[in-house]
Amino acid sequence: MAVREETGDRSASADLRRGREEARQIGGDIGDIAADLQQLANAELRLAQAEARENVGRLVSGLVWGVIAAVHALLAVAFVFVTIMLVLGIWLAPWAAALITTGIIAVFTAVVAGLAYQAFKRFSVTPRRTMDSLKEDLRWLKSQATSNGK
């Protein structure tokens, strides 16, 4: 009977050691997961910052083209008035030149306004790539949680 109790004590002691070892390993795994999540969060933050800088660049581009369009629109308006003045003052040749000049400026303004529109159309306040990446990370995290729970 004494041999049996001694064997039982050794078995319980071995089980206790294994349990402590598993607990340490789980603690280490949790630490690794926390470190991985920290790295993932930092990477997502850097991606969001890069995407925000890119969107600011698009905004600036759209603003530049918009200002160019506005300046040329003002010039077109000025030439319209010059044309009207020339038509009223002299009935033939000078107004034709002014009218052609006004048309050229108007066409140029339309082209620049189209460029501004295209630049603004590409602009987005929402960081789409970051959102997609976060969704993918969340799916991965859920899959890891379900696979570790099995």
Protein backbone atom coordinates (compact mmCIF):
# COMPACT_ATOMS: atom_id res chain seq x y z
CA MET A 1 0.00 0.00 0.00
CA ALA A 2 2.87 2.40 0.76
CA VAL A 3 4.26 1.83 -2.72
CA ARG A 4 0.92 2.67 -4.23
CA GLU A 5 0.64 5.96 -2.26
CA GLU A 6 4.17 6.89 -3.27
CA THR A 7 3.37 6.21 -6.95
CA GLY A 8 0.18 8.24 -6.62
CA ASP A 9 2.10 11.13 -5.07
CA ARG A 10 4.63 11.05 -7.91
CA SER A 11 1.82 10.96 -10.47
CA ALA A 12 0.03 13.90 -8.82
CA SER A 13 3.30 15.78 -8.57
CA ALA A 14 4.02 15.15 -12.27
CA ASP A 15 0.52 16.25 -13.19
CA LEU A 16 0.98 19.43 -11.16
CA ARG A 17 4.31 20.15 -12.91
CA ARG A 18 2.74 19.56 -16.32
CA GLY A 19 -0.14 21.84 -15.41
CA ARG A 20 2.22 24.61 -14.34
CA GLU A 21 4.23 24.16 -17.53
CA GLU A 22 1.08 24.35 -19.66
CA ALA A 23 -0.04 27.46 -17.77
CA ARG A 24 3.35 29.09 -18.44
CA GLN A 25 3.10 28.13 -22.11
CA ILE A 26 -0.42 29.56 -22.36
CA GLY A 27 0.79 32.74 -20.67
CA GLY A 28 3.61 32.95 -23.21
CA ASP A 29 1.16 32.37 -26.06
CA ILE A 30 -1.10 35.11 -24.75
CA GLY A 31 1.89 37.43 -24.54
CA ASP A 32 2.83 36.58 -28.13
CA ILE A 33 -0.75 37.22 -29.29
CA ALA A 34 -0.79 40.57 -27.47
CA ALA A 35 2.52 41.54 -29.11
CA ASP A 36 1.19 40.48 -32.52
CA LEU A 37 -1.98 42.52 -31.97
CA GLN A 38 0.14 45.53 -30.99
CA GLN A 39 2.20 45.19 -34.18
CA LEU A 40 -0.98 44.79 -36.22
CA ALA A 41 -2.52 47.89 -34.65
CA ASN A 42 0.65 49.88 -35.36
CA ALA A 43 0.68 48.69 -38.98
CA GLU A 44 -2.97 49.65 -39.40
CA LEU A 45 -2.26 53.08 -37.95
CA ARG A 46 0.62 53.62 -40.39
CA LEU A 47 -1.62 52.52 -43.27
CA ALA A 48 -4.36 54.93 -42.18
CA GLN A 49 -1.84 57.78 -41.97
CA ALA A 50 -0.44 57.01 -45.43
CA GLU A 51 -3.93 56.86 -46.90
CA ALA A 52 -4.86 60.16 -45.24
CA ARG A 53 -1.76 61.82 -46.72
CA GLU A 54 -2.68 60.44 -50.14
CA ASN A 55 -6.21 61.82 -49.83
CA VAL A 56 -4.88 65.22 -48.79
CA GLY A 57 -2.73 65.21 -51.95
CA ARG A 58 -5.84 64.52 -54.03
CA LEU A 59 -7.69 67.31 -52.25
CA VAL A 60 -4.87 69.78 -52.94
CA SER A 61 -4.79 68.72 -56.60
CA GLY A 62 -8.53 69.27 -56.91
CA LEU A 63 -8.25 72.66 -55.24
CA VAL A 64 -5.46 73.76 -57.59
CA TRP A 65 -7.45 72.78 -60.69
CA GLY A 66 -10.56 74.42 -59.19
CA VAL A 67 -8.71 77.69 -58.60
CA ILE A 68 -7.34 77.60 -62.16
CA ALA A 69 -10.88 77.04 -63.46
CA ALA A 70 -12.21 79.90 -61.32
CA VAL A 71 -9.54 82.32 -62.56
CA HIS A 72 -10.25 81.44 -66.17
CA ALA A 73 -13.97 81.69 -65.59
CA LEU A 74 -13.41 85.24 -64.36
CA LEU A 75 -11.33 85.98 -67.45
CA ALA A 76 -14.09 84.54 -69.65
CA VAL A 77 -16.65 86.77 -67.99
CA ALA A 78 -14.39 89.78 -68.52
CA PHE A 79 -14.06 88.95 -72.22
CA VAL A 80 -17.80 88.51 -72.56
CA PHE A 81 -18.25 92.05 -71.36
CA VAL A 82 -15.46 93.30 -73.62
CA THR A 83 -17.13 91.53 -76.53
CA ILE A 84 -20.49 93.10 -75.78
CA MET A 85 -18.83 96.48 -75.53
CA LEU A 86 -17.05 96.04 -78.86
CA VAL A 87 -20.23 94.81 -80.58
CA LEU A 88 -22.10 97.84 -79.42
CA GLY A 89 -19.29 100.29 -80.20
CA ILE A 90 -18.01 99.07 -83.55
CA TRP A 91 -20.19 96.85 -85.72
CA LEU A 92 -17.69 94.66 -87.51
CA ALA A 93 -14.15 93.26 -87.12
CA PRO A 94 -12.89 94.00 -83.59
CA TRP A 95 -15.74 92.22 -81.88
CA ALA A 96 -15.18 89.06 -83.91
CA ALA A 97 -11.67 88.79 -82.50
CA ALA A 98 -12.96 89.43 -78.99
CA LEU A 99 -15.67 86.79 -79.46
CA ILE A 100 -13.18 84.18 -80.66
CA THR A 101 -10.89 84.97 -77.70
CA THR A 102 -13.82 84.61 -75.32
CA GLY A 103 -14.68 81.24 -76.86
CA ILE A 104 -11.13 79.99 -76.46
CA ILE A 105 -11.03 81.02 -72.80
CA ALA A 106 -14.43 79.41 -72.20
CA VAL A 107 -13.30 76.12 -73.75
CA PHE A 108 -10.10 76.17 -71.69
CA THR A 109 -12.12 76.88 -68.54
CA ALA A 110 -14.38 73.92 -69.29
CA VAL A 111 -11.38 71.61 -69.71
CA VAL A 112 -9.77 72.79 -66.47
CA ALA A 113 -13.10 72.47 -64.63
CA GLY A 114 -13.35 68.89 -65.92
CA LEU A 115 -9.87 68.15 -64.56
CA ALA A 116 -10.87 69.62 -61.19
CA TYR A 117 -14.02 67.51 -61.16
CA GLN A 118 -12.04 64.34 -61.88
CA ALA A 119 -9.59 65.13 -59.06
CA PHE A 120 -12.42 65.70 -56.57
CA LYS A 121 -14.22 62.58 -57.75
CA ARG A 122 -11.20 60.44 -56.71
CA PHE A 123 -11.05 62.10 -53.28
CA SER A 124 -12.53 60.19 -50.36
CA VAL A 125 -12.65 61.02 -46.68
CA THR A 126 -13.06 57.33 -45.83
CA PRO A 127 -9.78 55.38 -45.70
CA ARG A 128 -11.11 52.44 -47.76
CA ARG A 129 -7.93 50.36 -47.84
CA THR A 130 -7.54 50.71 -44.07
CA MET A 131 -11.15 49.65 -43.53
CA ASP A 132 -10.70 46.64 -45.81
CA SER A 133 -7.50 45.70 -44.02
CA LEU A 134 -9.16 46.01 -40.61
CA LYS A 135 -12.03 43.78 -41.77
CA GLU A 136 -9.52 41.21 -43.00
CA ASP A 137 -7.65 41.38 -39.68
CA LEU A 138 -10.90 40.89 -37.79
CA ARG A 139 -11.76 37.83 -39.91
CA TRP A 140 -8.27 36.44 -39.25
CA LEU A 141 -8.57 37.10 -35.52
CA LYS A 142 -11.96 35.35 -35.40
CA SER A 143 -10.58 32.37 -37.30
CA GLN A 144 -7.63 32.18 -34.89
CA ALA A 145 -9.98 32.34 -31.90
CA THR A 146 -12.18 29.55 -33.26
CA SER A 147 -9.24 27.35 -34.26
CA ASN A 148 -7.59 27.78 -30.85
CA GLY A 149 -10.85 27.01 -29.08
CA LYS A 150 -11.14 23.56 -30.72
